[in-house]
C-alpha cells in the first residue's frame, strides 16, 4: 500500500475507533498527525497479519498495545491542535 493510501486508511480507521474525535481526525493536515495515521495503519496491518497464528499471540498483544499507544498520541495531538485553534 502506498504511503498516502496508508495515511488515509489509518485516518479512516482512527475516525471509526475514536468517534468523539472524528471531525478533528478527518480535518487533520499537520504532518505529525498524518505520520501517526500512517503508523497506526501499519501497526494494524502487522497485527492483523499475525492474528490467527497461535505461536504469535504475544506479538499480536504487542501490536495491540502499539495501536492503543498510537490512539493515545492521536487523541493528544488532536486536542493540542484543537486548543491552539481556539486560542488563536
N, C-alpha and C. Protein backbone atom coordinates (compact mmCIF):
# COMPACT_ATOMS: atom_id res chain seq x y z
N UNK A 1 0.85 -1.17 0.00
CA UNK A 1 0.00 0.00 0.00
C UNK A 1 0.89 1.24 0.00
N UNK A 2 0.56 2.19 -0.85
CA UNK A 2 1.34 3.43 -0.94
C UNK A 2 1.19 4.26 0.33
N UNK A 3 2.19 5.09 0.58
CA UNK A 3 2.22 5.89 1.80
C UNK A 3 0.95 6.73 1.99
N UNK A 4 0.53 7.45 0.94
CA UNK A 4 -0.66 8.30 1.07
C UNK A 4 -1.90 7.45 1.31
N UNK A 5 -1.96 6.28 0.69
CA UNK A 5 -3.09 5.38 0.90
C UNK A 5 -3.11 4.88 2.34
N UNK A 6 -1.91 4.57 2.88
CA UNK A 6 -1.81 4.12 4.27
C UNK A 6 -2.27 5.22 5.22
N UNK A 7 -1.86 6.44 4.93
CA UNK A 7 -2.27 7.57 5.79
C UNK A 7 -3.78 7.70 5.81
N UNK A 8 -4.40 7.65 4.64
CA UNK A 8 -5.85 7.82 4.57
C UNK A 8 -6.57 6.62 5.18
N UNK A 9 -6.04 5.43 4.99
CA UNK A 9 -6.65 4.24 5.62
C UNK A 9 -6.54 4.35 7.13
N UNK A 10 -5.39 4.78 7.63
CA UNK A 10 -5.21 4.97 9.06
C UNK A 10 -6.13 6.06 9.60
N UNK A 11 -6.28 7.14 8.83
CA UNK A 11 -7.18 8.23 9.22
C UNK A 11 -8.60 7.69 9.39
N UNK A 12 -9.08 6.97 8.39
CA UNK A 12 -10.45 6.44 8.44
C UNK A 12 -10.62 5.44 9.58
N UNK A 13 -9.63 4.59 9.77
CA UNK A 13 -9.69 3.59 10.84
C UNK A 13 -9.73 4.28 12.21
N UNK A 14 -8.89 5.29 12.39
CA UNK A 14 -8.88 6.03 13.66
C UNK A 14 -10.18 6.80 13.87
N UNK A 15 -10.73 7.34 12.81
CA UNK A 15 -12.01 8.06 12.92
C UNK A 15 -13.11 7.11 13.39
N UNK A 16 -13.05 5.87 12.97
CA UNK A 16 -14.02 4.88 13.44
C UNK A 16 -13.75 4.47 14.89
N UNK A 17 -12.48 4.31 15.24
CA UNK A 17 -12.10 3.90 16.60
C UNK A 17 -12.34 5.01 17.62
N UNK A 18 -12.22 6.26 17.19
CA UNK A 18 -12.33 7.41 18.09
C UNK A 18 -13.43 8.36 17.60
N UNK A 19 -14.69 7.93 17.67
CA UNK A 19 -15.77 8.74 17.09
C UNK A 19 -15.88 10.14 17.69
N UNK A 20 -15.49 10.32 18.93
CA UNK A 20 -15.56 11.65 19.55
C UNK A 20 -14.53 12.61 18.96
N UNK A 21 -13.56 12.09 18.21
CA UNK A 21 -12.53 12.92 17.58
C UNK A 21 -12.65 12.89 16.05
N UNK A 22 -13.69 12.28 15.56
CA UNK A 22 -13.84 12.05 14.12
C UNK A 22 -13.68 13.32 13.29
N UNK A 23 -14.34 14.38 13.66
CA UNK A 23 -14.29 15.63 12.89
C UNK A 23 -12.85 16.16 12.83
N UNK A 24 -12.17 16.16 13.97
CA UNK A 24 -10.78 16.64 14.01
C UNK A 24 -9.86 15.74 13.19
N UNK A 25 -10.05 14.44 13.30
CA UNK A 25 -9.21 13.49 12.56
C UNK A 25 -9.39 13.68 11.06
N UNK A 26 -10.62 13.81 10.62
CA UNK A 26 -10.87 13.94 9.19
C UNK A 26 -10.37 15.27 8.63
N UNK A 27 -10.27 16.29 9.48
CA UNK A 27 -9.80 17.60 9.03
C UNK A 27 -8.29 17.77 9.19
N UNK A 28 -7.64 16.83 9.85
CA UNK A 28 -6.21 16.97 10.17
C UNK A 28 -5.35 17.07 8.92
N UNK A 29 -4.36 17.98 8.99
CA UNK A 29 -3.42 18.12 7.88
C UNK A 29 -2.00 18.35 8.38
N UNK A 30 -1.81 18.38 9.68
CA UNK A 30 -0.49 18.54 10.27
C UNK A 30 0.37 17.32 9.93
N UNK A 31 1.61 17.52 9.49
CA UNK A 31 2.47 16.39 9.11
C UNK A 31 2.65 15.35 10.22
N UNK A 32 2.75 15.78 11.48
CA UNK A 32 2.88 14.83 12.58
C UNK A 32 1.65 13.95 12.70
N UNK A 33 0.49 14.56 12.57
CA UNK A 33 -0.76 13.80 12.65
C UNK A 33 -0.86 12.81 11.49
N UNK A 34 -0.47 13.24 10.31
CA UNK A 34 -0.50 12.34 9.16
C UNK A 34 0.44 11.16 9.35
N UNK A 35 1.59 11.40 9.96
CA UNK A 35 2.51 10.30 10.25
C UNK A 35 1.92 9.34 11.27
N UNK A 36 1.19 9.87 12.26
CA UNK A 36 0.52 9.00 13.23
C UNK A 36 -0.52 8.13 12.54
N UNK A 37 -1.26 8.69 11.60
CA UNK A 37 -2.27 7.92 10.87
C UNK A 37 -1.59 6.76 10.13
N UNK A 38 -0.49 7.08 9.47
CA UNK A 38 0.24 6.05 8.71
C UNK A 38 0.79 4.98 9.65
N UNK A 39 1.38 5.39 10.76
CA UNK A 39 1.94 4.44 11.72
C UNK A 39 0.85 3.54 12.27
N UNK A 40 -0.31 4.11 12.52
CA UNK A 40 -1.44 3.32 13.03
C UNK A 40 -1.84 2.25 12.02
N UNK A 41 -1.98 2.65 10.78
CA UNK A 41 -2.37 1.69 9.74
C UNK A 41 -1.33 0.58 9.61
N UNK A 42 -0.06 0.93 9.67
CA UNK A 42 1.00 -0.08 9.56
C UNK A 42 0.94 -1.05 10.74
N UNK A 43 0.70 -0.54 11.95
CA UNK A 43 0.61 -1.41 13.13
C UNK A 43 -0.60 -2.34 13.03
N UNK A 44 -1.72 -1.79 12.56
CA UNK A 44 -2.93 -2.61 12.41
C UNK A 44 -2.70 -3.70 11.36
N UNK A 45 -2.09 -3.34 10.25
CA UNK A 45 -1.82 -4.33 9.20
C UNK A 45 -0.92 -5.45 9.73
N UNK A 46 0.12 -5.09 10.46
CA UNK A 46 1.04 -6.10 11.02
C UNK A 46 0.31 -6.98 12.03
N UNK A 47 -0.47 -6.35 12.90
CA UNK A 47 -1.22 -7.11 13.91
C UNK A 47 -2.18 -8.09 13.24
N UNK A 48 -2.93 -7.60 12.27
CA UNK A 48 -3.92 -8.45 11.60
C UNK A 48 -3.27 -9.60 10.84
N UNK A 49 -2.08 -9.36 10.28
CA UNK A 49 -1.37 -10.43 9.57
C UNK A 49 -0.93 -11.53 10.53
N UNK A 50 -0.68 -11.17 11.78
CA UNK A 50 -0.23 -12.14 12.78
C UNK A 50 -1.37 -12.86 13.49
N UNK A 51 -2.54 -12.26 13.47
CA UNK A 51 -3.69 -12.88 14.16
C UNK A 51 -3.97 -14.25 13.59
N UNK A 52 -4.39 -15.12 14.43
CA UNK A 52 -4.73 -16.46 13.99
C UNK A 52 -3.56 -17.42 14.01
N UNK A 53 -2.38 -16.89 14.25
CA UNK A 53 -1.20 -17.74 14.36
C UNK A 53 -0.93 -17.94 15.84
N UNK A 54 -1.18 -19.11 16.36
CA UNK A 54 -1.07 -19.38 17.79
C UNK A 54 0.29 -19.01 18.37
N UNK A 55 1.34 -19.29 17.65
CA UNK A 55 2.67 -19.06 18.19
C UNK A 55 3.04 -17.58 18.26
N UNK A 56 2.19 -16.71 17.71
CA UNK A 56 2.47 -15.27 17.72
C UNK A 56 1.52 -14.49 18.64
N UNK A 57 0.90 -15.16 19.61
CA UNK A 57 -0.07 -14.48 20.48
C UNK A 57 0.56 -13.30 21.21
N UNK A 58 1.79 -13.44 21.69
CA UNK A 58 2.45 -12.34 22.40
C UNK A 58 2.73 -11.18 21.46
N UNK A 59 3.12 -11.49 20.24
CA UNK A 59 3.40 -10.45 19.27
C UNK A 59 2.12 -9.70 18.89
N UNK A 60 1.02 -10.42 18.75
CA UNK A 60 -0.27 -9.78 18.47
C UNK A 60 -0.61 -8.83 19.62
N UNK A 61 -0.40 -9.27 20.85
CA UNK A 61 -0.68 -8.43 22.01
C UNK A 61 0.19 -7.17 21.99
N UNK A 62 1.45 -7.32 21.59
CA UNK A 62 2.34 -6.17 21.49
C UNK A 62 1.82 -5.16 20.46
N UNK A 63 1.35 -5.68 19.31
CA UNK A 63 0.81 -4.78 18.29
C UNK A 63 -0.49 -4.13 18.77
N UNK A 64 -1.31 -4.86 19.52
CA UNK A 64 -2.50 -4.25 20.11
C UNK A 64 -2.11 -3.09 21.01
N UNK A 65 -1.08 -3.29 21.82
CA UNK A 65 -0.61 -2.23 22.71
C UNK A 65 -0.06 -1.05 21.91
N UNK A 66 0.65 -1.35 20.82
CA UNK A 66 1.18 -0.29 19.96
C UNK A 66 0.04 0.52 19.36
N UNK A 67 -1.01 -0.16 18.89
CA UNK A 67 -2.17 0.53 18.33
C UNK A 67 -2.81 1.43 19.39
N UNK A 68 -2.95 0.91 20.60
CA UNK A 68 -3.53 1.69 21.69
C UNK A 68 -2.68 2.93 21.99
N UNK A 69 -1.38 2.77 22.02
CA UNK A 69 -0.49 3.90 22.28
C UNK A 69 -0.59 4.95 21.18
N UNK A 70 -0.67 4.52 19.94
CA UNK A 70 -0.82 5.47 18.83
C UNK A 70 -2.16 6.19 18.96
N UNK A 71 -3.22 5.46 19.33
CA UNK A 71 -4.52 6.11 19.54
C UNK A 71 -4.39 7.22 20.59
N UNK A 72 -3.68 6.95 21.67
CA UNK A 72 -3.47 7.96 22.72
C UNK A 72 -2.71 9.17 22.18
N UNK A 73 -1.70 8.91 21.35
CA UNK A 73 -0.94 10.02 20.74
C UNK A 73 -1.83 10.84 19.81
N UNK A 74 -2.69 10.16 19.06
CA UNK A 74 -3.60 10.87 18.15
C UNK A 74 -4.55 11.76 18.96
N UNK A 75 -5.11 11.21 20.02
CA UNK A 75 -6.03 11.99 20.86
C UNK A 75 -5.32 13.24 21.38
N UNK A 76 -4.11 13.07 21.88
CA UNK A 76 -3.35 14.19 22.40
C UNK A 76 -3.07 15.22 21.30
N UNK A 77 -2.65 14.73 20.14
CA UNK A 77 -2.33 15.64 19.02
C UNK A 77 -3.57 16.39 18.56
N UNK A 78 -4.70 15.71 18.51
CA UNK A 78 -5.94 16.37 18.09
C UNK A 78 -6.37 17.41 19.12
N UNK A 79 -6.24 17.08 20.39
CA UNK A 79 -6.63 18.03 21.43
C UNK A 79 -5.72 19.25 21.41
N UNK A 80 -4.43 19.06 21.21
CA UNK A 80 -3.50 20.18 21.17
C UNK A 80 -3.80 21.09 19.99
N UNK A 81 -4.08 20.50 18.84
CA UNK A 81 -4.40 21.28 17.65
C UNK A 81 -5.71 22.04 17.85
N UNK A 82 -6.70 21.36 18.41
CA UNK A 82 -7.99 21.99 18.65
C UNK A 82 -7.85 23.15 19.63
N UNK A 83 -7.07 22.97 20.68
CA UNK A 83 -6.83 24.03 21.66
C UNK A 83 -6.11 25.21 21.01
N UNK A 84 -5.10 24.93 20.22
CA UNK A 84 -4.34 26.01 19.55
C UNK A 84 -5.24 26.80 18.62
N UNK A 85 -6.15 26.14 17.94
CA UNK A 85 -7.05 26.84 17.02
C UNK A 85 -8.04 27.71 17.78
N UNK A 86 -8.49 27.27 18.95
CA UNK A 86 -9.45 28.04 19.74
C UNK A 86 -8.81 29.27 20.37
N UNK A 87 -7.53 29.19 20.70
CA UNK A 87 -6.87 30.31 21.38
C UNK A 87 -6.20 31.27 20.41
N UNK A 88 -6.21 30.95 19.13
CA UNK A 88 -5.56 31.85 18.14
C UNK A 88 -6.47 32.98 17.76
